[in-house]
Structure formats: C-alpha cells, structure tokens
PDB file of N, CA and C in Angstrom:
ATOM      1  N   UNK A   1     -19.997 -19.991 -24.452  1.00  0.00           N
ATOM      2  CA  UNK A   1     -18.815 -19.512 -23.767  1.00  0.00           C
ATOM      3  C   UNK A   1     -18.492 -18.084 -24.196  1.00  0.00           C
ATOM      4  N   UNK A   2     -18.601 -17.792 -25.490  1.00  0.00           N
ATOM      5  CA  UNK A   2     -18.301 -16.447 -25.963  1.00  0.00           C
ATOM      6  C   UNK A   2     -19.307 -15.438 -25.419  1.00  0.00           C
ATOM      7  N   UNK A   3     -20.514 -15.886 -25.182  1.00  0.00           N
ATOM      8  CA  UNK A   3     -21.524 -14.993 -24.621  1.00  0.00           C
ATOM      9  C   UNK A   3     -21.153 -14.590 -23.191  1.00  0.00           C
ATOM     10  N   UNK A   4     -20.618 -15.533 -22.428  1.00  0.00           N
ATOM     11  CA  UNK A   4     -20.198 -15.233 -21.053  1.00  0.00           C
ATOM     12  C   UNK A   4     -19.055 -14.229 -21.044  1.00  0.00           C
ATOM     13  N   UNK A   5     -18.120 -14.399 -21.961  1.00  0.00           N
ATOM     14  CA  UNK A   5     -16.998 -13.463 -22.062  1.00  0.00           C
ATOM     15  C   UNK A   5     -17.506 -12.075 -22.458  1.00  0.00           C
ATOM     16  N   UNK A   6     -18.411 -12.041 -23.409  1.00  0.00           N
ATOM     17  CA  UNK A   6     -18.993 -10.778 -23.864  1.00  0.00           C
ATOM     18  C   UNK A   6     -19.736 -10.085 -22.721  1.00  0.00           C
ATOM     19  N   UNK A   7     -20.519 -10.845 -21.953  1.00  0.00           N
ATOM     20  CA  UNK A   7     -21.245 -10.286 -20.810  1.00  0.00           C
ATOM     21  C   UNK A   7     -20.267  -9.746 -19.765  1.00  0.00           C
ATOM     22  N   UNK A   8     -19.213 -10.507 -19.518  1.00  0.00           N
ATOM     23  CA  UNK A   8     -18.216 -10.086 -18.546  1.00  0.00           C
ATOM     24  C   UNK A   8     -17.579  -8.759 -18.961  1.00  0.00           C
ATOM     25  N   UNK A   9     -17.170  -8.654 -20.206  1.00  0.00           N
ATOM     26  CA  UNK A   9     -16.536  -7.430 -20.684  1.00  0.00           C
ATOM     27  C   UNK A   9     -17.507  -6.246 -20.658  1.00  0.00           C
ATOM     28  N   UNK A  10     -18.759  -6.483 -20.920  1.00  0.00           N
ATOM     29  CA  UNK A  10     -19.768  -5.429 -20.851  1.00  0.00           C
ATOM     30  C   UNK A  10     -19.900  -4.933 -19.404  1.00  0.00           C
ATOM     31  N   UNK A  11     -19.928  -5.872 -18.462  1.00  0.00           N
ATOM     32  CA  UNK A  11     -20.024  -5.492 -17.052  1.00  0.00           C
ATOM     33  C   UNK A  11     -18.777  -4.740 -16.594  1.00  0.00           C
ATOM     34  N   UNK A  12     -17.636  -5.132 -17.108  1.00  0.00           N
ATOM     35  CA  UNK A  12     -16.401  -4.429 -16.758  1.00  0.00           C
ATOM     36  C   UNK A  12     -16.475  -2.988 -17.231  1.00  0.00           C
ATOM     37  N   UNK A  13     -16.935  -2.770 -18.452  1.00  0.00           N
ATOM     38  CA  UNK A  13     -17.073  -1.408 -18.973  1.00  0.00           C
ATOM     39  C   UNK A  13     -18.028  -0.582 -18.121  1.00  0.00           C
ATOM     40  N   UNK A  14     -19.150  -1.186 -17.725  1.00  0.00           N
ATOM     41  CA  UNK A  14     -20.114  -0.469 -16.891  1.00  0.00           C
ATOM     42  C   UNK A  14     -19.517  -0.091 -15.536  1.00  0.00           C
ATOM     43  N   UNK A  15     -18.755  -0.996 -14.946  1.00  0.00           N
ATOM     44  CA  UNK A  15     -18.143  -0.711 -13.655  1.00  0.00           C
ATOM     45  C   UNK A  15     -17.061   0.350 -13.777  1.00  0.00           C
ATOM     46  N   UNK A  16     -16.305   0.322 -14.856  1.00  0.00           N
ATOM     47  CA  UNK A  16     -15.256   1.330 -15.046  1.00  0.00           C
ATOM     48  C   UNK A  16     -15.838   2.730 -15.212  1.00  0.00           C
ATOM     49  N   UNK A  17     -17.052   2.829 -15.721  1.00  0.00           N
ATOM     50  CA  UNK A  17     -17.697   4.136 -15.841  1.00  0.00           C
ATOM     51  C   UNK A  17     -18.041   4.712 -14.470  1.00  0.00           C
ATOM     52  N   UNK A  18     -18.167   3.857 -13.456  1.00  0.00           N
ATOM     53  CA  UNK A  18     -18.506   4.303 -12.107  1.00  0.00           C
ATOM     54  C   UNK A  18     -17.275   4.752 -11.317  1.00  0.00           C
ATOM     55  N   UNK A  19     -16.094   4.409 -11.791  1.00  0.00           N
ATOM     56  CA  UNK A  19     -14.863   4.709 -11.067  1.00  0.00           C
ATOM     57  C   UNK A  19     -14.592   6.213 -11.100  1.00  0.00           C
ATOM     58  N   UNK A  20     -14.224   6.748  -9.944  1.00  0.00           N
ATOM     59  CA  UNK A  20     -13.843   8.154  -9.857  1.00  0.00           C
ATOM     60  C   UNK A  20     -12.342   8.201  -9.596  1.00  0.00           C
ATOM     61  N   UNK A  21     -11.587   8.687 -10.562  1.00  0.00           N
ATOM     62  CA  UNK A  21     -10.145   8.763 -10.425  1.00  0.00           C
ATOM     63  C   UNK A  21      -9.766  10.053  -9.714  1.00  0.00           C
ATOM     64  N   UNK A  22      -8.713  10.024  -8.883  1.00  0.00           N
ATOM     65  CA  UNK A  22      -8.315  11.229  -8.155  1.00  0.00           C
ATOM     66  C   UNK A  22      -7.702  12.262  -9.096  1.00  0.00           C
ATOM     67  N   UNK A  23      -7.851  13.536  -8.697  1.00  0.00           N
ATOM     68  CA  UNK A  23      -7.193  14.572  -9.481  1.00  0.00           C
ATOM     69  C   UNK A  23      -5.728  14.674  -9.043  1.00  0.00           C
ATOM     70  N   UNK A  24      -4.990  15.559  -9.656  1.00  0.00           N
ATOM     71  CA  UNK A  24      -3.552  15.652  -9.406  1.00  0.00           C
ATOM     72  C   UNK A  24      -3.241  15.968  -7.934  1.00  0.00           C
ATOM     73  N   UNK A  25      -3.961  16.916  -7.350  1.00  0.00           N
ATOM     74  CA  UNK A  25      -3.699  17.313  -5.963  1.00  0.00           C
ATOM     75  C   UNK A  25      -3.972  16.157  -4.990  1.00  0.00           C
ATOM     76  N   UNK A  26      -5.074  15.451  -5.199  1.00  0.00           N
ATOM     77  CA  UNK A  26      -5.393  14.308  -4.337  1.00  0.00           C
ATOM     78  C   UNK A  26      -4.343  13.215  -4.468  1.00  0.00           C
ATOM     79  N   UNK A  27      -3.880  12.994  -5.678  1.00  0.00           N
ATOM     80  CA  UNK A  27      -2.870  11.965  -5.909  1.00  0.00           C
ATOM     81  C   UNK A  27      -1.556  12.319  -5.227  1.00  0.00           C
ATOM     82  N   UNK A  28      -1.142  13.581  -5.337  1.00  0.00           N
ATOM     83  CA  UNK A  28       0.097  14.017  -4.687  1.00  0.00           C
ATOM     84  C   UNK A  28      -0.042  13.932  -3.169  1.00  0.00           C
ATOM     85  N   UNK A  29      -1.189  14.350  -2.637  1.00  0.00           N
ATOM     86  CA  UNK A  29      -1.416  14.268  -1.193  1.00  0.00           C
ATOM     87  C   UNK A  29      -1.382  12.839  -0.689  1.00  0.00           C
ATOM     88  N   UNK A  30      -2.014  11.941  -1.407  1.00  0.00           N
ATOM     89  CA  UNK A  30      -2.015  10.527  -1.012  1.00  0.00           C
ATOM     90  C   UNK A  30      -0.610   9.939  -1.093  1.00  0.00           C
ATOM     91  N   UNK A  31       0.141  10.351  -2.086  1.00  0.00           N
ATOM     92  CA  UNK A  31       1.509   9.857  -2.236  1.00  0.00           C
ATOM     93  C   UNK A  31       2.366  10.283  -1.053  1.00  0.00           C
ATOM     94  N   UNK A  32       2.217  11.529  -0.620  1.00  0.00           N
ATOM     95  CA  UNK A  32       2.973  12.000   0.544  1.00  0.00           C
ATOM     96  C   UNK A  32       2.585  11.227   1.805  1.00  0.00           C
ATOM     97  N   UNK A  33       1.315  10.934   1.958  1.00  0.00           N
ATOM     98  CA  UNK A  33       0.876  10.162   3.124  1.00  0.00           C
ATOM     99  C   UNK A  33       1.541   8.793   3.123  1.00  0.00           C
ATOM    100  N   UNK A  34       1.592   8.145   1.967  1.00  0.00           N
ATOM    101  CA  UNK A  34       2.213   6.819   1.865  1.00  0.00           C
ATOM    102  C   UNK A  34       3.707   6.909   2.153  1.00  0.00           C
ATOM    103  N   UNK A  35       4.387   7.905   1.594  1.00  0.00           N
ATOM    104  CA  UNK A  35       5.834   8.038   1.809  1.00  0.00           C
ATOM    105  C   UNK A  35       6.147   8.284   3.281  1.00  0.00           C
ATOM    106  N   UNK A  36       5.410   9.208   3.905  1.00  0.00           N
ATOM    107  CA  UNK A  36       5.661   9.528   5.318  1.00  0.00           C
ATOM    108  C   UNK A  36       5.329   8.341   6.213  1.00  0.00           C
ATOM    109  N   UNK A  37       4.224   7.656   5.939  1.00  0.00           N
ATOM    110  CA  UNK A  37       3.856   6.473   6.731  1.00  0.00           C
ATOM    111  C   UNK A  37       4.922   5.390   6.610  1.00  0.00           C
ATOM    112  N   UNK A  38       5.423   5.196   5.406  1.00  0.00           N
ATOM    113  CA  UNK A  38       6.455   4.185   5.189  1.00  0.00           C
ATOM    114  C   UNK A  38       7.728   4.535   5.955  1.00  0.00           C
ATOM    115  N   UNK A  39       8.113   5.794   5.938  1.00  0.00           N
ATOM    116  CA  UNK A  39       9.309   6.214   6.678  1.00  0.00           C
ATOM    117  C   UNK A  39       9.132   6.028   8.181  1.00  0.00           C
ATOM    118  N   UNK A  40       7.956   6.372   8.691  1.00  0.00           N
ATOM    119  CA  UNK A  40       7.706   6.200  10.131  1.00  0.00           C
ATOM    120  C   UNK A  40       7.789   4.728  10.518  1.00  0.00           C
ATOM    121  N   UNK A  41       7.164   3.868   9.739  1.00  0.00           N
ATOM    122  CA  UNK A  41       7.202   2.424  10.039  1.00  0.00           C
ATOM    123  C   UNK A  41       8.626   1.895   9.915  1.00  0.00           C
ATOM    124  N   UNK A  42       9.383   2.358   8.914  1.00  0.00           N
ATOM    125  CA  UNK A  42      10.766   1.900   8.734  1.00  0.00           C
ATOM    126  C   UNK A  42      11.640   2.303   9.917  1.00  0.00           C
ATOM    127  N   UNK A  43      11.494   3.541  10.389  1.00  0.00           N
ATOM    128  CA  UNK A  43      12.275   3.997  11.545  1.00  0.00           C
ATOM    129  C   UNK A  43      11.894   3.201  12.781  1.00  0.00           C
ATOM    130  N   UNK A  44      10.602   2.992  12.985  1.00  0.00           N
ATOM    131  CA  UNK A  44      10.154   2.219  14.147  1.00  0.00           C
ATOM    132  C   UNK A  44      10.707   0.794  14.110  1.00  0.00           C
ATOM    133  N   UNK A  45      10.584   0.127  12.967  1.00  0.00           N
ATOM    134  CA  UNK A  45      11.080  -1.247  12.871  1.00  0.00           C
ATOM    135  C   UNK A  45      12.604  -1.309  13.005  1.00  0.00           C
ATOM    136  N   UNK A  46      13.303  -0.311  12.470  1.00  0.00           N
ATOM    137  CA  UNK A  46      14.755  -0.253  12.640  1.00  0.00           C
ATOM    138  C   UNK A  46      15.135  -0.114  14.100  1.00  0.00           C
ATOM    139  N   UNK A  47      14.404   0.739  14.827  1.00  0.00           N
ATOM    140  CA  UNK A  47      14.664   0.920  16.257  1.00  0.00           C
ATOM    141  C   UNK A  47      14.397  -0.365  17.032  1.00  0.00           C
ATOM    142  N   UNK A  48      13.274  -1.010  16.764  1.00  0.00           N
ATOM    143  CA  UNK A  48      12.937  -2.262  17.447  1.00  0.00           C
ATOM    144  C   UNK A  48      13.993  -3.331  17.132  1.00  0.00           C
ATOM    145  N   UNK A  49      14.420  -3.416  15.889  1.00  0.00           N
ATOM    146  CA  UNK A  49      15.448  -4.385  15.503  1.00  0.00           C
ATOM    147  C   UNK A  49      16.748  -4.110  16.250  1.00  0.00           C
ATOM    148  N   UNK A  50      17.130  -2.833  16.346  1.00  0.00           N
ATOM    149  CA  UNK A  50      18.353  -2.460  17.047  1.00  0.00           C
ATOM    150  C   UNK A  50      18.282  -2.858  18.517  1.00  0.00           C
ATOM    151  N   UNK A  51      17.164  -2.531  19.159  1.00  0.00           N
ATOM    152  CA  UNK A  51      16.997  -2.840  20.583  1.00  0.00           C
ATOM    153  C   UNK A  51      16.996  -4.342  20.811  1.00  0.00           C
ATOM    154  N   UNK A  52      16.261  -5.083  19.998  1.00  0.00           N
ATOM    155  CA  UNK A  52      16.206  -6.538  20.191  1.00  0.00           C
ATOM    156  C   UNK A  52      17.566  -7.186  19.913  1.00  0.00           C
ATOM    157  N   UNK A  53      18.299  -6.678  18.946  1.00  0.00           N
ATOM    158  CA  UNK A  53      19.632  -7.218  18.664  1.00  0.00           C
ATOM    159  C   UNK A  53      20.554  -7.014  19.864  1.00  0.00           C
ATOM    160  N   UNK A  54      20.526  -5.809  20.421  1.00  0.00           N
ATOM    161  CA  UNK A  54      21.347  -5.543  21.617  1.00  0.00           C
ATOM    162  C   UNK A  54      20.925  -6.430  22.780  1.00  0.00           C
ATOM    163  N   UNK A  55      19.615  -6.621  22.939  1.00  0.00           N
ATOM    164  CA  UNK A  55      19.100  -7.433  24.046  1.00  0.00           C
ATOM    165  C   UNK A  55      19.549  -8.887  23.899  1.00  0.00           C
ATOM    166  N   UNK A  56      19.456  -9.437  22.707  1.00  0.00           N
ATOM    167  CA  UNK A  56      19.857 -10.823  22.481  1.00  0.00           C
ATOM    168  C   UNK A  56      21.374 -10.981  22.684  1.00  0.00           C
ATOM    169  N   UNK A  57      22.156 -10.015  22.198  1.00  0.00           N
ATOM    170  CA  UNK A  57      23.618 -10.085  22.409  1.00  0.00           C
ATOM    171  C   UNK A  57      23.942 -10.019  23.890  1.00  0.00           C
ATOM    172  N   UNK A  58      23.224  -9.215  24.641  1.00  0.00           N
ATOM    173  CA  UNK A  58      23.447  -9.095  26.085  1.00  0.00           C
ATOM    174  C   UNK A  58      23.133 -10.429  26.791  1.00  0.00           C
ATOM    175  N   UNK A  59      22.046 -11.055  26.378  1.00  0.00           N
ATOM    176  CA  UNK A  59      21.656 -12.329  27.010  1.00  0.00           C
ATOM    177  C   UNK A  59      22.642 -13.437  26.673  1.00  0.00           C
ATOM    178  N   UNK A  60      23.119 -13.462  25.445  1.00  0.00           N
ATOM    179  CA  UNK A  60      24.017 -14.544  25.018  1.00  0.00           C
ATOM    180  C   UNK A  60      25.450 -14.353  25.529  1.00  0.00           C
ATOM    181  N   UNK A  61      25.765 -13.194  26.052  1.00  0.00           N
ATOM    182  CA  UNK A  61      27.110 -12.958  26.550  1.00  0.00           C
ATOM    183  C   UNK A  61      27.366 -13.658  27.831  1.00  0.00           C
TER     184      UNK A  61
END
C-alpha cells in the first residue's frame, strides 16, 4: 500500500513539472475576461427575470 502512495506522489511531482503557470499579464487579462463575462450574464439574467416577472403578473391579473 505504501508503494502505491509513493508511486502516486512521484507521478504527481512529474505532472506538476509539466504545468505552465500564467504570468502576471495573462492572469490579469483572464481575470478581466471572467469579470466582464460574469457581468454580461448577470445583466442578461436580470433582464430575463424582469421580463418574465412582468409577463407572469400580467397573465395572473
């Protein structure tokens, strides 16, 4: 069992050596993309919620 754990940890180390981490500029750019995408989706869903709420109130009246 300890051999399996040891092998697993060795493989994890080897895989982590292959990882390429983003530099500061790439990280900031990706963060802005996520923030802007989230805002766009939030505005869209808010608009759809508003319209559907008005529609349901109109039907139930």
